[in-house]
């Protein structure tokens, strides 16, 4: 496997976490333009933990994801009653606030004779845990997809529970859901915290793979792409956002014919799908139809 292919696959896997975090909120009917904030919080938090404090990778990633989840829950508390554009603007404002704060964050310590730590807009270098511990690109890619598989599997199982049903009910219409006894505010806060944790896992992986992060990397376009992947892939299953990521990064970025026109093609694809398939390629109806056919074929085989 070539280094280029490993790089593309690793990128797909890391951005998939961001797409899944946006998907969790989309299921509840909330549109967030700020998932890049949790991606950034975890990237910086886990980078500080491993590069500056000397923590092992697993603990640094856990720390970063926990910080991201906590931040998302704190944002969700005052915004749980907001809807539509108001919630979207609130999340965007928070993300921009985080990016500006990271531009002002300057904190370095001496680690083995080298100053390591965030330097504001100049970024945070030397997050070299995987290279210092001889973790190969293939091994790290397998780690990415192992964690991604756990997250997708967990979300798939959750959607079959009463909690998953409650989240989808809220996404359909909050008033009937509340009338049926669903605690809408609590469910939304839970969904926000979960989305923050998922984005945080991706952010921690991202920081350790590229070894250098800066606030400019976590701009609004990163959040827009994460949201678009869920809308393209579909809201019927957690696999949907992965399909969106593969279509953009795996296909449009890899085909030379789209070089220089990727954003135009991607934007056109999003616009077209929102008109033709407002719930994405793998919407609830399509997923139900696929599952029904699989069950029918299984019965025939037996």
C-alpha atoms as a PDB file:
ATOM      1  CA  UNK A   1       0.000   0.000   0.000  1.00  0.00           C
ATOM      2  CA  UNK A   2       1.496   3.359  -1.042  1.00  0.00           C
ATOM      3  CA  UNK A   3       2.117   6.203   1.377  1.00  0.00           C
ATOM      4  CA  UNK A   4      -0.346   8.350  -0.597  1.00  0.00           C
ATOM      5  CA  UNK A   5      -3.152   5.801  -0.259  1.00  0.00           C
ATOM      6  CA  UNK A   6      -2.446   5.362   3.446  1.00  0.00           C
ATOM      7  CA  UNK A   7      -2.596   9.139   3.852  1.00  0.00           C
ATOM      8  CA  UNK A   8      -5.930   9.432   2.001  1.00  0.00           C
ATOM      9  CA  UNK A   9      -7.470   6.544   3.960  1.00  0.00           C
ATOM     10  CA  UNK A  10      -6.244   7.982   7.265  1.00  0.00           C
ATOM     11  CA  UNK A  11      -7.681  11.381   6.362  1.00  0.00           C
ATOM     12  CA  UNK A  12     -11.023   9.805   5.464  1.00  0.00           C
ATOM     13  CA  UNK A  13     -11.099   8.004   8.808  1.00  0.00           C
ATOM     14  CA  UNK A  14     -10.274  11.084  10.904  1.00  0.00           C
ATOM     15  CA  UNK A  15     -12.751  13.386   9.146  1.00  0.00           C
ATOM     16  CA  UNK A  16     -15.393  10.659   9.452  1.00  0.00           C
ATOM     17  CA  UNK A  17     -15.451  11.318  13.212  1.00  0.00           C
ATOM     18  CA  UNK A  18     -16.322  14.954  12.535  1.00  0.00           C
ATOM     19  CA  UNK A  19     -19.073  13.881  10.124  1.00  0.00           C
ATOM     20  CA  UNK A  20     -20.482  11.428  12.670  1.00  0.00           C
ATOM     21  CA  UNK A  21     -20.524  14.116  15.355  1.00  0.00           C
ATOM     22  CA  UNK A  22     -22.607  16.369  13.076  1.00  0.00           C
ATOM     23  CA  UNK A  23     -24.834  13.384  12.230  1.00  0.00           C
ATOM     24  CA  UNK A  24     -25.726  12.806  15.900  1.00  0.00           C
ATOM     25  CA  UNK A  25     -27.095  16.343  16.083  1.00  0.00           C
ATOM     26  CA  UNK A  26     -28.794  16.136  12.684  1.00  0.00           C
ATOM     27  CA  UNK A  27     -30.760  13.120  13.915  1.00  0.00           C
ATOM     28  CA  UNK A  28     -32.221  15.337  16.664  1.00  0.00           C
ATOM     29  CA  UNK A  29     -33.103  18.015  14.129  1.00  0.00           C
ATOM     30  CA  UNK A  30     -30.224  20.349  15.074  1.00  0.00           C
ATOM     31  CA  UNK A  31     -27.861  21.830  12.498  1.00  0.00           C
ATOM     32  CA  UNK A  32     -24.419  22.670  13.879  1.00  0.00           C
ATOM     33  CA  UNK A  33     -21.768  24.735  12.132  1.00  0.00           C
ATOM     34  CA  UNK A  34     -19.450  24.429  15.121  1.00  0.00           C
ATOM     35  CA  UNK A  35     -18.283  20.813  15.371  1.00  0.00           C
ATOM     36  CA  UNK A  36     -14.790  21.940  14.368  1.00  0.00           C
ATOM     37  CA  UNK A  37     -14.525  23.583  17.805  1.00  0.00           C
ATOM     38  CA  UNK A  38     -14.628  20.209  19.581  1.00  0.00           C
ATOM     39  CA  UNK A  39     -12.259  18.774  16.988  1.00  0.00           C
ATOM     40  CA  UNK A  40      -9.844  21.621  17.861  1.00  0.00           C
ATOM     41  CA  UNK A  41     -10.295  21.417  21.644  1.00  0.00           C
ATOM     42  CA  UNK A  42      -9.402  17.749  21.634  1.00  0.00           C
ATOM     43  CA  UNK A  43      -6.520  18.223  19.181  1.00  0.00           C
ATOM     44  CA  UNK A  44      -4.930  20.804  21.469  1.00  0.00           C
ATOM     45  CA  UNK A  45      -5.872  19.021  24.690  1.00  0.00           C
ATOM     46  CA  UNK A  46      -4.502  15.640  23.643  1.00  0.00           C
ATOM     47  CA  UNK A  47      -1.423  17.262  22.080  1.00  0.00           C
ATOM     48  CA  UNK A  48      -0.637  19.057  25.335  1.00  0.00           C
ATOM     49  CA  UNK A  49      -1.152  15.831  27.286  1.00  0.00           C
ATOM     50  CA  UNK A  50       1.268  13.710  25.220  1.00  0.00           C
ATOM     51  CA  UNK A  51       3.824  16.268  24.025  1.00  0.00           C
ATOM     52  CA  UNK A  52       4.055  18.454  27.136  1.00  0.00           C
ATOM     53  CA  UNK A  53       2.971  16.253  30.025  1.00  0.00           C
ATOM     54  CA  UNK A  54       4.360  12.968  28.702  1.00  0.00           C
ATOM     55  CA  UNK A  55       1.087  11.050  28.943  1.00  0.00           C
ATOM     56  CA  UNK A  56       0.568   7.844  26.911  1.00  0.00           C
ATOM     57  CA  UNK A  57      -1.419   8.194  23.704  1.00  0.00           C
ATOM     58  CA  UNK A  58      -4.556   6.426  24.931  1.00  0.00           C
ATOM     59  CA  UNK A  59      -4.772   8.649  28.009  1.00  0.00           C
ATOM     60  CA  UNK A  60      -4.095  11.804  26.004  1.00  0.00           C
ATOM     61  CA  UNK A  61      -6.856  10.886  23.550  1.00  0.00           C
ATOM     62  CA  UNK A  62      -9.243  10.125  26.394  1.00  0.00           C
ATOM     63  CA  UNK A  63      -8.423  13.503  27.960  1.00  0.00           C
ATOM     64  CA  UNK A  64      -8.956  15.361  24.695  1.00  0.00           C
ATOM     65  CA  UNK A  65     -12.267  13.621  23.956  1.00  0.00           C
ATOM     66  CA  UNK A  66     -13.479  14.277  27.506  1.00  0.00           C
ATOM     67  CA  UNK A  67     -12.652  17.980  27.204  1.00  0.00           C
ATOM     68  CA  UNK A  68     -14.513  18.153  23.896  1.00  0.00           C
ATOM     69  CA  UNK A  69     -17.543  16.350  25.320  1.00  0.00           C
ATOM     70  CA  UNK A  70     -17.615  18.621  28.378  1.00  0.00           C
ATOM     71  CA  UNK A  71     -17.378  21.737  26.200  1.00  0.00           C
ATOM     72  CA  UNK A  72     -20.218  20.479  23.983  1.00  0.00           C
ATOM     73  CA  UNK A  73     -22.422  19.764  27.006  1.00  0.00           C
ATOM     74  CA  UNK A  74     -21.742  23.239  28.457  1.00  0.00           C
ATOM     75  CA  UNK A  75     -22.710  24.827  25.131  1.00  0.00           C
ATOM     76  CA  UNK A  76     -25.830  22.653  24.902  1.00  0.00           C
ATOM     77  CA  UNK A  77     -27.233  23.705  28.283  1.00  0.00           C
ATOM     78  CA  UNK A  78     -28.075  27.306  27.295  1.00  0.00           C
ATOM     79  CA  UNK A  79     -28.850  26.422  23.657  1.00  0.00           C
ATOM     80  CA  UNK A  80     -31.044  23.331  24.166  1.00  0.00           C
ATOM     81  CA  UNK A  81     -34.217  25.338  23.517  1.00  0.00           C
ATOM     82  CA  UNK A  82     -32.890  27.022  20.380  1.00  0.00           C
ATOM     83  CA  UNK A  83     -34.061  25.809  16.998  1.00  0.00           C
ATOM     84  CA  UNK A  84     -33.020  26.036  13.368  1.00  0.00           C
ATOM     85  CA  UNK A  85     -30.980  29.055  12.396  1.00  0.00           C
ATOM     86  CA  UNK A  86     -30.647  30.273  15.989  1.00  0.00           C
ATOM     87  CA  UNK A  87     -28.921  27.077  17.101  1.00  0.00           C
ATOM     88  CA  UNK A  88     -26.743  27.003  13.978  1.00  0.00           C
ATOM     89  CA  UNK A  89     -25.568  30.590  14.576  1.00  0.00           C
ATOM     90  CA  UNK A  90     -24.909  29.872  18.257  1.00  0.00           C
ATOM     91  CA  UNK A  91     -22.673  26.904  17.423  1.00  0.00           C
ATOM     92  CA  UNK A  92     -20.837  28.894  14.767  1.00  0.00           C
ATOM     93  CA  UNK A  93     -20.248  31.747  17.226  1.00  0.00           C
ATOM     94  CA  UNK A  94     -18.835  29.311  19.789  1.00  0.00           C
ATOM     95  CA  UNK A  95     -16.525  27.727  17.208  1.00  0.00           C
ATOM     96  CA  UNK A  96     -15.179  31.118  16.160  1.00  0.00           C
ATOM     97  CA  UNK A  97     -14.670  32.046  19.811  1.00  0.00           C
ATOM     98  CA  UNK A  98     -12.640  28.862  20.347  1.00  0.00           C
ATOM     99  CA  UNK A  99     -10.544  29.569  17.247  1.00  0.00           C
ATOM    100  CA  UNK A 100      -9.799  33.126  18.415  1.00  0.00           C
ATOM    101  CA  UNK A 101      -8.908  31.926  21.921  1.00  0.00           C
ATOM    102  CA  UNK A 102      -6.506  29.387  20.438  1.00  0.00           C
ATOM    103  CA  UNK A 103      -4.867  32.211  18.484  1.00  0.00           C
ATOM    104  CA  UNK A 104      -4.140  33.887  21.836  1.00  0.00           C
ATOM    105  CA  UNK A 105      -3.042  30.697  23.618  1.00  0.00           C
ATOM    106  CA  UNK A 106       0.692  30.833  24.259  1.00  0.00           C
ATOM    107  CA  UNK A 107       2.106  28.268  26.644  1.00  0.00           C
ATOM    108  CA  UNK A 108       5.407  26.440  26.236  1.00  0.00           C
ATOM    109  CA  UNK A 109       7.539  24.337  28.545  1.00  0.00           C
ATOM    110  CA  UNK A 110      11.013  22.846  28.240  1.00  0.00           C
ATOM    111  CA  UNK A 111      10.919  19.185  27.249  1.00  0.00           C
ATOM    112  CA  UNK A 112      14.380  17.623  26.894  1.00  0.00           C
ATOM    113  CA  UNK A 113      15.909  20.971  25.945  1.00  0.00           C
ATOM    114  CA  UNK A 114      13.182  21.932  23.449  1.00  0.00           C
ATOM    115  CA  UNK A 115      10.371  24.417  24.036  1.00  0.00           C
ATOM    116  CA  UNK A 116       7.110  22.651  23.248  1.00  0.00           C
ATOM    117  CA  UNK A 117       3.571  23.957  23.368  1.00  0.00           C
ATOM    118  CA  UNK A 118       1.011  26.193  21.634  1.00  0.00           C
ATOM    119  CA  UNK A 119       2.323  29.477  20.234  1.00  0.00           C
ATOM    120  CA  UNK A 120      -0.878  31.298  19.325  1.00  0.00           C
ATOM    121  CA  UNK A 121      -1.385  31.788  15.597  1.00  0.00           C
ATOM    122  CA  UNK A 122       2.016  30.171  14.932  1.00  0.00           C
ATOM    123  CA  UNK A 123       0.546  26.863  15.990  1.00  0.00           C
ATOM    124  CA  UNK A 124       1.544  23.894  18.094  1.00  0.00           C
ATOM    125  CA  UNK A 125       4.453  21.823  16.825  1.00  0.00           C
ATOM    126  CA  UNK A 126       6.266  18.672  17.931  1.00  0.00           C
ATOM    127  CA  UNK A 127       3.241  16.493  18.724  1.00  0.00           C
ATOM    128  CA  UNK A 128       5.406  13.527  17.845  1.00  0.00           C
ATOM    129  CA  UNK A 129       4.189  10.715  20.078  1.00  0.00           C
ATOM    130  CA  UNK A 130       3.552   8.176  17.308  1.00  0.00           C
ATOM    131  CA  UNK A 131       6.953   8.847  15.718  1.00  0.00           C
ATOM    132  CA  UNK A 132       8.802   8.779  19.034  1.00  0.00           C
ATOM    133  CA  UNK A 133       7.215   5.409  19.792  1.00  0.00           C
ATOM    134  CA  UNK A 134       7.789   3.915  16.313  1.00  0.00           C
ATOM    135  CA  UNK A 135       4.105   3.606  15.447  1.00  0.00           C
ATOM    136  CA  UNK A 136       3.978   3.149  11.679  1.00  0.00           C
ATOM    137  CA  UNK A 137       1.520   4.888   9.362  1.00  0.00           C
ATOM    138  CA  UNK A 138      -0.256   1.579   8.734  1.00  0.00           C
ATOM    139  CA  UNK A 139      -0.553   0.847  12.467  1.00  0.00           C
ATOM    140  CA  UNK A 140      -1.973   4.315  13.104  1.00  0.00           C
ATOM    141  CA  UNK A 141      -4.416   3.904  10.217  1.00  0.00           C
ATOM    142  CA  UNK A 142      -5.600   0.635  11.745  1.00  0.00           C
ATOM    143  CA  UNK A 143      -6.052   2.446  15.072  1.00  0.00           C
ATOM    144  CA  UNK A 144      -8.160   5.103  13.326  1.00  0.00           C
ATOM    145  CA  UNK A 145     -10.432   2.547  11.690  1.00  0.00           C
ATOM    146  CA  UNK A 146     -10.616   0.391  14.798  1.00  0.00           C
ATOM    147  CA  UNK A 147     -11.936   3.354  16.797  1.00  0.00           C
ATOM    148  CA  UNK A 148     -14.186   4.385  13.911  1.00  0.00           C
ATOM    149  CA  UNK A 149     -15.679   0.888  13.813  1.00  0.00           C
ATOM    150  CA  UNK A 150     -16.373   1.042  17.564  1.00  0.00           C
ATOM    151  CA  UNK A 151     -18.094   4.423  17.221  1.00  0.00           C
ATOM    152  CA  UNK A 152     -20.232   3.376  14.230  1.00  0.00           C
ATOM    153  CA  UNK A 153     -21.122   0.106  15.964  1.00  0.00           C
ATOM    154  CA  UNK A 154     -22.005   1.942  19.168  1.00  0.00           C
ATOM    155  CA  UNK A 155     -24.212   4.453  17.352  1.00  0.00           C
ATOM    156  CA  UNK A 156     -25.932   1.646  15.424  1.00  0.00           C
ATOM    157  CA  UNK A 157     -26.713  -0.206  18.653  1.00  0.00           C
ATOM    158  CA  UNK A 158     -27.848   2.995  20.380  1.00  0.00           C
ATOM    159  CA  UNK A 159     -30.317   3.734  17.587  1.00  0.00           C
ATOM    160  CA  UNK A 160     -32.086   0.464  18.369  1.00  0.00           C
ATOM    161  CA  UNK A 161     -32.668   1.472  21.982  1.00  0.00           C
ATOM    162  CA  UNK A 162     -35.376   3.664  23.512  1.00  0.00           C
ATOM    163  CA  UNK A 163     -32.841   6.504  23.704  1.00  0.00           C
ATOM    164  CA  UNK A 164     -32.110   6.270  19.992  1.00  0.00           C
ATOM    165  CA  UNK A 165     -35.821   6.226  19.232  1.00  0.00           C
ATOM    166  CA  UNK A 166     -36.315   9.270  21.474  1.00  0.00           C
ATOM    167  CA  UNK A 167     -33.597  11.199  19.637  1.00  0.00           C
ATOM    168  CA  UNK A 168     -35.221  10.485  16.268  1.00  0.00           C
ATOM    169  CA  UNK A 169     -38.630  11.456  17.654  1.00  0.00           C
ATOM    170  CA  UNK A 170     -37.180  14.792  18.714  1.00  0.00           C
ATOM    171  CA  UNK A 171     -35.764  15.234  15.219  1.00  0.00           C
ATOM    172  CA  UNK A 172     -39.197  14.614  13.692  1.00  0.00           C
ATOM    173  CA  UNK A 173     -41.136  16.908  16.028  1.00  0.00           C
ATOM    174  CA  UNK A 174     -40.314  17.964  19.578  1.00  0.00           C
ATOM    175  CA  UNK A 175     -43.898  18.640  20.673  1.00  0.00           C
ATOM    176  CA  UNK A 176     -45.267  15.082  20.188  1.00  0.00           C
ATOM    177  CA  UNK A 177     -42.034  13.686  21.650  1.00  0.00           C
ATOM    178  CA  UNK A 178     -42.463  15.802  24.773  1.00  0.00           C
ATOM    179  CA  UNK A 179     -46.134  14.804  24.970  1.00  0.00           C
ATOM    180  CA  UNK A 180     -45.030  11.152  25.024  1.00  0.00           C
ATOM    181  CA  UNK A 181     -42.798  11.812  28.033  1.00  0.00           C
ATOM    182  CA  UNK A 182     -39.455  12.400  26.337  1.00  0.00           C
ATOM    183  CA  UNK A 183     -37.222  14.843  28.207  1.00  0.00           C
ATOM    184  CA  UNK A 184     -36.266  16.867  25.150  1.00  0.00           C
ATOM    185  CA  UNK A 185     -33.734  19.173  26.844  1.00  0.00           C
ATOM    186  CA  UNK A 186     -31.887  16.291  28.537  1.00  0.00           C
ATOM    187  CA  UNK A 187     -31.790  14.275  25.308  1.00  0.00           C
ATOM    188  CA  UNK A 188     -30.414  17.235  23.375  1.00  0.00           C
ATOM    189  CA  UNK A 189     -27.701  17.852  25.961  1.00  0.00           C
ATOM    190  CA  UNK A 190     -26.776  14.157  25.847  1.00  0.00           C
ATOM    191  CA  UNK A 191     -26.646  14.216  22.029  1.00  0.00           C
ATOM    192  CA  UNK A 192     -24.469  17.329  22.090  1.00  0.00           C
ATOM    193  CA  UNK A 193     -22.040  15.810  24.605  1.00  0.00           C
ATOM    194  CA  UNK A 194     -21.863  12.585  22.588  1.00  0.00           C
ATOM    195  CA  UNK A 195     -21.231  14.539  19.395  1.00  0.00           C
ATOM    196  CA  UNK A 196     -18.452  16.457  21.138  1.00  0.00           C
ATOM    197  CA  UNK A 197     -16.776  13.254  22.305  1.00  0.00           C
ATOM    198  CA  UNK A 198     -16.943  11.745  18.802  1.00  0.00           C
ATOM    199  CA  UNK A 199     -15.481  14.902  17.232  1.00  0.00           C
ATOM    200  CA  UNK A 200     -12.860  14.871  19.988  1.00  0.00           C
ATOM    201  CA  UNK A 201     -11.661  11.385  19.070  1.00  0.00           C
ATOM    202  CA  UNK A 202     -11.101  12.576  15.512  1.00  0.00           C
ATOM    203  CA  UNK A 203      -9.326  15.729  16.688  1.00  0.00           C
ATOM    204  CA  UNK A 204      -6.925  13.776  18.893  1.00  0.00           C
ATOM    205  CA  UNK A 205      -6.079  11.401  16.053  1.00  0.00           C
ATOM    206  CA  UNK A 206      -5.626  14.344  13.671  1.00  0.00           C
ATOM    207  CA  UNK A 207      -3.180  16.169  15.936  1.00  0.00           C
ATOM    208  CA  UNK A 208      -0.984  13.119  16.428  1.00  0.00           C
ATOM    209  CA  UNK A 209      -0.911  12.148  12.767  1.00  0.00           C
ATOM    210  CA  UNK A 210       0.081  15.532  11.316  1.00  0.00           C
ATOM    211  CA  UNK A 211       2.184  16.545  14.411  1.00  0.00           C
ATOM    212  CA  UNK A 212       1.435  20.258  13.825  1.00  0.00           C
ATOM    213  CA  UNK A 213      -1.817  22.108  14.404  1.00  0.00           C
ATOM    214  CA  UNK A 214      -2.800  25.766  14.238  1.00  0.00           C
ATOM    215  CA  UNK A 215      -6.078  27.640  14.809  1.00  0.00           C
ATOM    216  CA  UNK A 216      -6.526  28.356  11.085  1.00  0.00           C
ATOM    217  CA  UNK A 217      -6.972  24.620  10.429  1.00  0.00           C
ATOM    218  CA  UNK A 218     -10.202  24.612  12.427  1.00  0.00           C
ATOM    219  CA  UNK A 219     -12.126  27.207  10.453  1.00  0.00           C
ATOM    220  CA  UNK A 220     -15.802  27.297   9.546  1.00  0.00           C
ATOM    221  CA  UNK A 221     -15.280  25.354   6.297  1.00  0.00           C
ATOM    222  CA  UNK A 222     -14.186  22.308   8.285  1.00  0.00           C
ATOM    223  CA  UNK A 223     -17.478  22.436  10.158  1.00  0.00           C
ATOM    224  CA  UNK A 224     -19.481  22.995   6.966  1.00  0.00           C
ATOM    225  CA  UNK A 225     -17.861  19.949   5.367  1.00  0.00           C
ATOM    226  CA  UNK A 226     -18.579  17.808   8.438  1.00  0.00           C
ATOM    227  CA  UNK A 227     -22.230  18.848   8.275  1.00  0.00           C
ATOM    228  CA  UNK A 228     -22.430  18.328   4.508  1.00  0.00           C
ATOM    229  CA  UNK A 229     -21.089  14.776   4.762  1.00  0.00           C
ATOM    230  CA  UNK A 230     -24.041  13.793   6.948  1.00  0.00           C
ATOM    231  CA  UNK A 231     -26.511  15.475   4.603  1.00  0.00           C
ATOM    232  CA  UNK A 232     -24.996  13.772   1.544  1.00  0.00           C
ATOM    233  CA  UNK A 233     -24.601  10.300   3.019  1.00  0.00           C
ATOM    234  CA  UNK A 234     -27.999  10.250   4.669  1.00  0.00           C
ATOM    235  CA  UNK A 235     -29.600  10.325   8.102  1.00  0.00           C
ATOM    236  CA  UNK A 236     -31.019   6.815   8.050  1.00  0.00           C
ATOM    237  CA  UNK A 237     -27.929   5.155   9.502  1.00  0.00           C
ATOM    238  CA  UNK A 238     -24.546   6.006  11.021  1.00  0.00           C
ATOM    239  CA  UNK A 239     -22.945   4.602   7.863  1.00  0.00           C
ATOM    240  CA  UNK A 240     -24.413   7.534   5.906  1.00  0.00           C
ATOM    241  CA  UNK A 241     -21.853  10.182   6.958  1.00  0.00           C
ATOM    242  CA  UNK A 242     -19.038   7.773   6.063  1.00  0.00           C
ATOM    243  CA  UNK A 243     -20.454   7.553   2.546  1.00  0.00           C
ATOM    244  CA  UNK A 244     -20.402  11.358   2.344  1.00  0.00           C
ATOM    245  CA  UNK A 245     -16.743  11.493   3.413  1.00  0.00           C
ATOM    246  CA  UNK A 246     -15.735   8.799   0.929  1.00  0.00           C
ATOM    247  CA  UNK A 247     -17.509  10.605  -1.921  1.00  0.00           C
ATOM    248  CA  UNK A 248     -15.716  13.873  -1.204  1.00  0.00           C
ATOM    249  CA  UNK A 249     -12.242  12.957   0.051  1.00  0.00           C
ATOM    250  CA  UNK A 250     -11.970   9.453  -1.350  1.00  0.00           C
ATOM    251  CA  UNK A 251     -13.379  10.193  -4.805  1.00  0.00           C
ATOM    252  CA  UNK A 252     -13.338  13.904  -5.649  1.00  0.00           C
ATOM    253  CA  UNK A 253      -9.893  14.482  -4.132  1.00  0.00           C
ATOM    254  CA  UNK A 254      -8.420  11.378  -5.725  1.00  0.00           C
ATOM    255  CA  UNK A 255      -9.691  11.861  -9.292  1.00  0.00           C
ATOM    256  CA  UNK A 256      -7.394  14.191 -11.222  1.00  0.00           C
ATOM    257  CA  UNK A 257     -10.232  15.337 -13.485  1.00  0.00           C
ATOM    258  CA  UNK A 258     -11.668  17.236 -10.488  1.00  0.00           C
ATOM    259  CA  UNK A 259      -8.368  18.893  -9.555  1.00  0.00           C
ATOM    260  CA  UNK A 260      -9.030  22.576  -8.976  1.00  0.00           C
ATOM    261  CA  UNK A 261     -12.797  22.086  -9.243  1.00  0.00           C
ATOM    262  CA  UNK A 262     -13.370  19.923  -6.182  1.00  0.00           C
ATOM    263  CA  UNK A 263     -15.194  22.575  -4.139  1.00  0.00           C
ATOM    264  CA  UNK A 264     -17.418  23.497  -7.098  1.00  0.00           C
ATOM    265  CA  UNK A 265     -18.339  19.855  -7.723  1.00  0.00           C
ATOM    266  CA  UNK A 266     -18.830  19.196  -4.004  1.00  0.00           C
ATOM    267  CA  UNK A 267     -21.036  22.264  -3.556  1.00  0.00           C
ATOM    268  CA  UNK A 268     -23.114  21.336  -6.580  1.00  0.00           C
ATOM    269  CA  UNK A 269     -23.509  17.779  -5.297  1.00  0.00           C
ATOM    270  CA  UNK A 270     -24.752  19.029  -1.912  1.00  0.00           C
ATOM    271  CA  UNK A 271     -27.212  21.436  -3.532  1.00  0.00           C
ATOM    272  CA  UNK A 272     -28.542  18.739  -5.881  1.00  0.00           C
ATOM    273  CA  UNK A 273     -28.989  16.184  -3.120  1.00  0.00           C
ATOM    274  CA  UNK A 274     -30.777  18.653  -0.850  1.00  0.00           C
ATOM    275  CA  UNK A 275     -33.319  19.101  -3.643  1.00  0.00           C
ATOM    276  CA  UNK A 276     -33.648  15.479  -4.769  1.00  0.00           C
ATOM    277  CA  UNK A 277     -32.865  13.612  -1.527  1.00  0.00           C
ATOM    278  CA  UNK A 278     -33.295  16.034   1.410  1.00  0.00           C
ATOM    279  CA  UNK A 279     -32.499  13.261   3.908  1.00  0.00           C
ATOM    280  CA  UNK A 280     -29.420  12.074   1.970  1.00  0.00           C
ATOM    281  CA  UNK A 281     -28.558   8.990  -0.068  1.00  0.00           C
ATOM    282  CA  UNK A 282     -29.113   6.566   2.815  1.00  0.00           C
ATOM    283  CA  UNK A 283     -32.260   8.095   4.259  1.00  0.00           C
ATOM    284  CA  UNK A 284     -34.618   6.255   6.615  1.00  0.00           C
ATOM    285  CA  UNK A 285     -36.812   4.898   3.806  1.00  0.00           C
ATOM    286  CA  UNK A 286     -33.839   3.566   1.837  1.00  0.00           C
ATOM    287  CA  UNK A 287     -32.260   1.953   4.892  1.00  0.00           C
ATOM    288  CA  UNK A 288     -35.588   0.315   5.832  1.00  0.00           C
ATOM    289  CA  UNK A 289     -35.953  -1.003   2.282  1.00  0.00           C
ATOM    290  CA  UNK A 290     -32.396  -2.424   2.307  1.00  0.00           C
ATOM    291  CA  UNK A 291     -32.903  -4.107   5.677  1.00  0.00           C
ATOM    292  CA  UNK A 292     -36.229  -5.588   4.537  1.00  0.00           C
ATOM    293  CA  UNK A 293     -34.616  -7.028   1.398  1.00  0.00           C
ATOM    294  CA  UNK A 294     -31.750  -8.503   3.419  1.00  0.00           C
ATOM    295  CA  UNK A 295     -34.203 -10.153   5.809  1.00  0.00           C
ATOM    296  CA  UNK A 296     -36.257 -11.483   2.887  1.00  0.00           C
ATOM    297  CA  UNK A 297     -33.173 -12.897   1.136  1.00  0.00           C
ATOM    298  CA  UNK A 298     -32.065 -14.481   4.403  1.00  0.00           C
ATOM    299  CA  UNK A 299     -35.435 -16.214   4.753  1.00  0.00           C
ATOM    300  CA  UNK A 300     -35.225 -17.452   1.155  1.00  0.00           C
ATOM    301  CA  UNK A 301     -31.697 -18.795   1.733  1.00  0.00           C
ATOM    302  CA  UNK A 302     -32.925 -20.787   4.707  1.00  0.00           C
END
